[in-house]
Amino acid sequence: MVTKDIHEYDLSITEIEQFMNWLDDREVGQGKLYYKFELNVTTGNIVSRTEYIMYDKIVSFKVDNDK
């Protein structure tokens, strides 16, 4: 991200495909300006978290595949 923040997500293939589809839609000016990730959090009193990523703040990303 342009702020040099690095976020890491553990996503299924389906979730990766949904994210990629959102990126493709944004490239042609369609869809929301943000993407949201629903996360399970097990620290403190927080039971879930939603993180929003703004399209224009994404500089690059990578997808690692486990064995």
PDB file of N, CA and C in Angstrom:
ATOM      1  N   MET A   1       0.844  -1.172   0.000  1.00  0.00           N
ATOM      2  CA  MET A   1       0.000   0.000   0.000  1.00  0.00           C
ATOM      3  C   MET A   1       0.891   1.237   0.000  1.00  0.00           C
ATOM      4  N   VAL A   2       0.363   2.342  -0.435  1.00  0.00           N
ATOM      5  CA  VAL A   2       1.177   3.537  -0.567  1.00  0.00           C
ATOM      6  C   VAL A   2       1.687   4.051   0.776  1.00  0.00           C
ATOM      7  N   THR A   3       1.043   3.664   1.865  1.00  0.00           N
ATOM      8  CA  THR A   3       1.515   4.072   3.188  1.00  0.00           C
ATOM      9  C   THR A   3       2.615   3.156   3.682  1.00  0.00           C
ATOM     10  N   LYS A   4       2.976   2.183   2.890  1.00  0.00           N
ATOM     11  CA  LYS A   4       3.974   1.168   3.215  1.00  0.00           C
ATOM     12  C   LYS A   4       3.476   0.194   4.288  1.00  0.00           C
ATOM     13  N   ASP A   5       2.178   0.238   4.597  1.00  0.00           N
ATOM     14  CA  ASP A   5       1.582  -0.763   5.477  1.00  0.00           C
ATOM     15  C   ASP A   5       1.507  -2.079   4.724  1.00  0.00           C
ATOM     16  N   ILE A   6       1.815  -3.155   5.413  1.00  0.00           N
ATOM     17  CA  ILE A   6       1.714  -4.477   4.810  1.00  0.00           C
ATOM     18  C   ILE A   6       0.661  -5.264   5.585  1.00  0.00           C
ATOM     19  N   HIS A   7      -0.290  -5.804   4.852  1.00  0.00           N
ATOM     20  CA  HIS A   7      -1.341  -6.617   5.441  1.00  0.00           C
ATOM     21  C   HIS A   7      -1.255  -8.007   4.844  1.00  0.00           C
ATOM     22  N   GLU A   8      -1.458  -9.005   5.670  1.00  0.00           N
ATOM     23  CA  GLU A   8      -1.396 -10.387   5.200  1.00  0.00           C
ATOM     24  C   GLU A   8      -2.699 -11.078   5.564  1.00  0.00           C
ATOM     25  N   TYR A   9      -3.238 -11.836   4.613  1.00  0.00           N
ATOM     26  CA  TYR A   9      -4.509 -12.523   4.802  1.00  0.00           C
ATOM     27  C   TYR A   9      -4.360 -13.983   4.418  1.00  0.00           C
ATOM     28  N   ASP A  10      -5.042 -14.832   5.142  1.00  0.00           N
ATOM     29  CA  ASP A  10      -5.086 -16.260   4.829  1.00  0.00           C
ATOM     30  C   ASP A  10      -6.416 -16.503   4.122  1.00  0.00           C
ATOM     31  N   LEU A  11      -6.368 -16.642   2.793  1.00  0.00           N
ATOM     32  CA  LEU A  11      -7.582 -16.713   1.991  1.00  0.00           C
ATOM     33  C   LEU A  11      -7.699 -18.046   1.267  1.00  0.00           C
ATOM     34  N   SER A  12      -8.935 -18.446   1.063  1.00  0.00           N
ATOM     35  CA  SER A  12      -9.202 -19.629   0.248  1.00  0.00           C
ATOM     36  C   SER A  12      -9.072 -19.237  -1.226  1.00  0.00           C
ATOM     37  N   ILE A  13      -9.030 -20.232  -2.092  1.00  0.00           N
ATOM     38  CA  ILE A  13      -8.982 -19.970  -3.533  1.00  0.00           C
ATOM     39  C   ILE A  13     -10.200 -19.154  -3.961  1.00  0.00           C
ATOM     40  N   THR A  14     -11.350 -19.452  -3.422  1.00  0.00           N
ATOM     41  CA  THR A  14     -12.575 -18.716  -3.747  1.00  0.00           C
ATOM     42  C   THR A  14     -12.444 -17.250  -3.352  1.00  0.00           C
ATOM     43  N   GLU A  15     -11.906 -16.986  -2.171  1.00  0.00           N
ATOM     44  CA  GLU A  15     -11.735 -15.604  -1.719  1.00  0.00           C
ATOM     45  C   GLU A  15     -10.722 -14.857  -2.592  1.00  0.00           C
ATOM     46  N   ILE A  16      -9.677 -15.540  -3.021  1.00  0.00           N
ATOM     47  CA  ILE A  16      -8.697 -14.927  -3.916  1.00  0.00           C
ATOM     48  C   ILE A  16      -9.354 -14.587  -5.252  1.00  0.00           C
ATOM     49  N   GLU A  17     -10.160 -15.491  -5.770  1.00  0.00           N
ATOM     50  CA  GLU A  17     -10.863 -15.238  -7.027  1.00  0.00           C
ATOM     51  C   GLU A  17     -11.810 -14.051  -6.902  1.00  0.00           C
ATOM     52  N   GLN A  18     -12.513 -13.942  -5.772  1.00  0.00           N
ATOM     53  CA  GLN A  18     -13.409 -12.804  -5.554  1.00  0.00           C
ATOM     54  C   GLN A  18     -12.630 -11.493  -5.529  1.00  0.00           C
ATOM     55  N   PHE A  19     -11.484 -11.504  -4.857  1.00  0.00           N
ATOM     56  CA  PHE A  19     -10.641 -10.318  -4.799  1.00  0.00           C
ATOM     57  C   PHE A  19     -10.142  -9.946  -6.193  1.00  0.00           C
ATOM     58  N   MET A  20      -9.687 -10.932  -6.949  1.00  0.00           N
ATOM     59  CA  MET A  20      -9.194 -10.679  -8.305  1.00  0.00           C
ATOM     60  C   MET A  20     -10.306 -10.139  -9.208  1.00  0.00           C
ATOM     61  N   ASN A  21     -11.516 -10.664  -9.057  1.00  0.00           N
ATOM     62  CA  ASN A  21     -12.651 -10.163  -9.836  1.00  0.00           C
ATOM     63  C   ASN A  21     -12.938  -8.702  -9.493  1.00  0.00           C
ATOM     64  N   TRP A  22     -12.853  -8.366  -8.204  1.00  0.00           N
ATOM     65  CA  TRP A  22     -13.053  -6.979  -7.780  1.00  0.00           C
ATOM     66  C   TRP A  22     -11.989  -6.084  -8.426  1.00  0.00           C
ATOM     67  N   LEU A  23     -10.726  -6.518  -8.401  1.00  0.00           N
ATOM     68  CA  LEU A  23      -9.653  -5.741  -9.030  1.00  0.00           C
ATOM     69  C   LEU A  23      -9.919  -5.541 -10.519  1.00  0.00           C
ATOM     70  N   ASP A  24     -10.317  -6.602 -11.193  1.00  0.00           N
ATOM     71  CA  ASP A  24     -10.619  -6.512 -12.627  1.00  0.00           C
ATOM     72  C   ASP A  24     -11.746  -5.515 -12.887  1.00  0.00           C
ATOM     73  N   ASP A  25     -12.785  -5.550 -12.054  1.00  0.00           N
ATOM     74  CA  ASP A  25     -13.904  -4.617 -12.202  1.00  0.00           C
ATOM     75  C   ASP A  25     -13.445  -3.174 -11.998  1.00  0.00           C
ATOM     76  N   ARG A  26     -12.579  -2.954 -11.011  1.00  0.00           N
ATOM     77  CA  ARG A  26     -12.078  -1.603 -10.740  1.00  0.00           C
ATOM     78  C   ARG A  26     -11.240  -1.088 -11.902  1.00  0.00           C
ATOM     79  N   GLU A  27     -10.539  -1.958 -12.587  1.00  0.00           N
ATOM     80  CA  GLU A  27      -9.717  -1.546 -13.724  1.00  0.00           C
ATOM     81  C   GLU A  27     -10.568  -0.904 -14.819  1.00  0.00           C
ATOM     82  N   VAL A  28     -11.824  -1.293 -14.909  1.00  0.00           N
ATOM     83  CA  VAL A  28     -12.721  -0.725 -15.924  1.00  0.00           C
ATOM     84  C   VAL A  28     -13.723   0.245 -15.298  1.00  0.00           C
ATOM     85  N   GLY A  29     -13.451   0.670 -14.054  1.00  0.00           N
ATOM     86  CA  GLY A  29     -14.271   1.690 -13.405  1.00  0.00           C
ATOM     87  C   GLY A  29     -15.584   1.208 -12.832  1.00  0.00           C
ATOM     88  N   GLN A  30     -15.692  -0.088 -12.578  1.00  0.00           N
ATOM     89  CA  GLN A  30     -16.934  -0.623 -12.016  1.00  0.00           C
ATOM     90  C   GLN A  30     -16.700  -1.100 -10.589  1.00  0.00           C
ATOM     91  N   GLY A  31     -17.773  -1.255  -9.849  1.00  0.00           N
ATOM     92  CA  GLY A  31     -17.692  -1.787  -8.494  1.00  0.00           C
ATOM     93  C   GLY A  31     -17.288  -0.745  -7.467  1.00  0.00           C
ATOM     94  N   LYS A  32     -17.228  -1.175  -6.233  1.00  0.00           N
ATOM     95  CA  LYS A  32     -16.909  -0.291  -5.116  1.00  0.00           C
ATOM     96  C   LYS A  32     -15.436   0.114  -5.139  1.00  0.00           C
ATOM     97  N   LEU A  33     -15.149   1.259  -4.532  1.00  0.00           N
ATOM     98  CA  LEU A  33     -13.778   1.752  -4.445  1.00  0.00           C
ATOM     99  C   LEU A  33     -12.967   1.013  -3.387  1.00  0.00           C
ATOM    100  N   TYR A  34     -13.635   0.205  -2.595  1.00  0.00           N
ATOM    101  CA  TYR A  34     -12.961  -0.532  -1.525  1.00  0.00           C
ATOM    102  C   TYR A  34     -13.322  -2.004  -1.580  1.00  0.00           C
ATOM    103  N   TYR A  35     -12.485  -2.809  -0.968  1.00  0.00           N
ATOM    104  CA  TYR A  35     -12.752  -4.237  -0.811  1.00  0.00           C
ATOM    105  C   TYR A  35     -12.683  -4.536   0.668  1.00  0.00           C
ATOM    106  N   LYS A  36     -13.547  -5.408   1.142  1.00  0.00           N
ATOM    107  CA  LYS A  36     -13.511  -5.713   2.573  1.00  0.00           C
ATOM    108  C   LYS A  36     -13.181  -7.173   2.817  1.00  0.00           C
ATOM    109  N   PHE A  37     -12.365  -7.372   3.823  1.00  0.00           N
ATOM    110  CA  PHE A  37     -11.986  -8.701   4.277  1.00  0.00           C
ATOM    111  C   PHE A  37     -12.612  -8.925   5.641  1.00  0.00           C
ATOM    112  N   GLU A  38     -13.358 -10.006   5.790  1.00  0.00           N
ATOM    113  CA  GLU A  38     -13.917 -10.406   7.076  1.00  0.00           C
ATOM    114  C   GLU A  38     -12.906 -11.315   7.754  1.00  0.00           C
ATOM    115  N   LEU A  39     -12.444 -10.945   8.932  1.00  0.00           N
ATOM    116  CA  LEU A  39     -11.399 -11.692   9.616  1.00  0.00           C
ATOM    117  C   LEU A  39     -11.910 -12.247  10.937  1.00  0.00           C
ATOM    118  N   ASN A  40     -11.448 -13.408  11.309  1.00  0.00           N
ATOM    119  CA  ASN A  40     -11.712 -13.963  12.633  1.00  0.00           C
ATOM    120  C   ASN A  40     -10.574 -13.527  13.552  1.00  0.00           C
ATOM    121  N   VAL A  41     -10.923 -12.903  14.650  1.00  0.00           N
ATOM    122  CA  VAL A  41      -9.928 -12.416  15.591  1.00  0.00           C
ATOM    123  C   VAL A  41     -10.171 -13.090  16.934  1.00  0.00           C
ATOM    124  N   THR A  42      -9.115 -13.554  17.554  1.00  0.00           N
ATOM    125  CA  THR A  42      -9.270 -14.263  18.825  1.00  0.00           C
ATOM    126  C   THR A  42      -8.516 -13.575  19.960  1.00  0.00           C
ATOM    127  N   THR A  43      -8.270 -12.285  19.830  1.00  0.00           N
ATOM    128  CA  THR A  43      -7.575 -11.555  20.882  1.00  0.00           C
ATOM    129  C   THR A  43      -8.522 -10.606  21.597  1.00  0.00           C
ATOM    130  N   GLY A  44      -8.363 -10.544  22.901  1.00  0.00           N
ATOM    131  CA  GLY A  44      -9.178  -9.634  23.697  1.00  0.00           C
ATOM    132  C   GLY A  44     -10.658  -9.901  23.556  1.00  0.00           C
ATOM    133  N   ASN A  45     -11.434  -8.845  23.538  1.00  0.00           N
ATOM    134  CA  ASN A  45     -12.893  -8.947  23.450  1.00  0.00           C
ATOM    135  C   ASN A  45     -13.392  -8.942  22.005  1.00  0.00           C
ATOM    136  N   ILE A  46     -12.480  -8.848  21.042  1.00  0.00           N
ATOM    137  CA  ILE A  46     -12.864  -8.780  19.637  1.00  0.00           C
ATOM    138  C   ILE A  46     -13.138 -10.195  19.120  1.00  0.00           C
ATOM    139  N   VAL A  47     -14.312 -10.377  18.515  1.00  0.00           N
ATOM    140  CA  VAL A  47     -14.659 -11.691  17.970  1.00  0.00           C
ATOM    141  C   VAL A  47     -14.578 -11.728  16.451  1.00  0.00           C
ATOM    142  N   SER A  48     -14.625 -10.569  15.816  1.00  0.00           N
ATOM    143  CA  SER A  48     -14.443 -10.508  14.369  1.00  0.00           C
ATOM    144  C   SER A  48     -13.961  -9.104  14.005  1.00  0.00           C
ATOM    145  N   ARG A  49     -13.385  -9.011  12.822  1.00  0.00           N
ATOM    146  CA  ARG A  49     -12.879  -7.717  12.358  1.00  0.00           C
ATOM    147  C   ARG A  49     -13.114  -7.641  10.857  1.00  0.00           C
ATOM    148  N   THR A  50     -13.469  -6.453  10.396  1.00  0.00           N
ATOM    149  CA  THR A  50     -13.608  -6.195   8.973  1.00  0.00           C
ATOM    150  C   THR A  50     -12.564  -5.155   8.595  1.00  0.00           C
ATOM    151  N   GLU A  51     -11.700  -5.497   7.636  1.00  0.00           N
ATOM    152  CA  GLU A  51     -10.701  -4.556   7.135  1.00  0.00           C
ATOM    153  C   GLU A  51     -11.113  -4.137   5.735  1.00  0.00           C
ATOM    154  N   TYR A  52     -11.008  -2.838   5.482  1.00  0.00           N
ATOM    155  CA  TYR A  52     -11.353  -2.286   4.177  1.00  0.00           C
ATOM    156  C   TYR A  52     -10.081  -1.814   3.487  1.00  0.00           C
ATOM    157  N   ILE A  53      -9.934  -2.182   2.222  1.00  0.00           N
ATOM    158  CA  ILE A  53      -8.783  -1.771   1.436  1.00  0.00           C
ATOM    159  C   ILE A  53      -9.287  -0.891   0.301  1.00  0.00           C
ATOM    160  N   MET A  54      -8.694   0.282   0.192  1.00  0.00           N
ATOM    161  CA  MET A  54      -9.066   1.215  -0.865  1.00  0.00           C
ATOM    162  C   MET A  54      -8.312   0.864  -2.144  1.00  0.00           C
ATOM    163  N   TYR A  55      -9.018   0.814  -3.248  1.00  0.00           N
ATOM    164  CA  TYR A  55      -8.435   0.425  -4.528  1.00  0.00           C
ATOM    165  C   TYR A  55      -7.224   1.279  -4.892  1.00  0.00           C
ATOM    166  N   ASP A  56      -7.349   2.587  -4.734  1.00  0.00           N
ATOM    167  CA  ASP A  56      -6.267   3.476  -5.166  1.00  0.00           C
ATOM    168  C   ASP A  56      -5.053   3.465  -4.242  1.00  0.00           C
ATOM    169  N   LYS A  57      -5.088   2.681  -3.172  1.00  0.00           N
ATOM    170  CA  LYS A  57      -3.955   2.577  -2.242  1.00  0.00           C
ATOM    171  C   LYS A  57      -3.156   1.294  -2.459  1.00  0.00           C
ATOM    172  N   ILE A  58      -3.615   0.419  -3.329  1.00  0.00           N
ATOM    173  CA  ILE A  58      -2.917  -0.840  -3.579  1.00  0.00           C
ATOM    174  C   ILE A  58      -1.796  -0.593  -4.577  1.00  0.00           C
ATOM    175  N   VAL A  59      -0.582  -0.868  -4.157  1.00  0.00           N
ATOM    176  CA  VAL A  59       0.570  -0.717  -5.036  1.00  0.00           C
ATOM    177  C   VAL A  59       0.887  -2.047  -5.701  1.00  0.00           C
ATOM    178  N   SER A  60       0.908  -3.105  -4.902  1.00  0.00           N
ATOM    179  CA  SER A  60       1.145  -4.438  -5.425  1.00  0.00           C
ATOM    180  C   SER A  60       0.647  -5.457  -4.406  1.00  0.00           C
ATOM    181  N   PHE A  61       0.588  -6.710  -4.837  1.00  0.00           N
ATOM    182  CA  PHE A  61       0.222  -7.790  -3.923  1.00  0.00           C
ATOM    183  C   PHE A  61       0.779  -9.077  -4.481  1.00  0.00           C
ATOM    184  N   LYS A  62       0.875 -10.082  -3.637  1.00  0.00           N
ATOM    185  CA  LYS A  62       1.337 -11.387  -4.088  1.00  0.00           C
ATOM    186  C   LYS A  62       0.462 -12.462  -3.486  1.00  0.00           C
ATOM    187  N   VAL A  63       0.398 -13.595  -4.159  1.00  0.00           N
ATOM    188  CA  VAL A  63      -0.345 -14.752  -3.700  1.00  0.00           C
ATOM    189  C   VAL A  63       0.630 -15.906  -3.564  1.00  0.00           C
ATOM    190  N   ASP A  64       0.805 -16.394  -2.354  1.00  0.00           N
ATOM    191  CA  ASP A  64       1.643 -17.569  -2.101  1.00  0.00           C
ATOM    192  C   ASP A  64       0.757 -18.788  -2.004  1.00  0.00           C
ATOM    193  N   ASN A  65       1.172 -19.877  -2.631  1.00  0.00           N
ATOM    194  CA  ASN A  65       0.420 -21.129  -2.554  1.00  0.00           C
ATOM    195  C   ASN A  65       1.164 -22.096  -1.662  1.00  0.00           C
ATOM    196  N   ASP A  66       0.452 -22.681  -0.701  1.00  0.00           N
ATOM    197  CA  ASP A  66       1.037 -23.712   0.146  1.00  0.00           C
ATOM    198  C   ASP A  66       1.104 -25.012  -0.622  1.00  0.00           C
ATOM    199  N   LYS A  67       1.926 -25.907  -0.122  1.00  0.00           N
ATOM    200  CA  LYS A  67       2.055 -27.241  -0.732  1.00  0.00           C
ATOM    201  C   LYS A  67       0.798 -28.028  -0.565  1.00  0.00           C
TER     202      LYS A  67
END
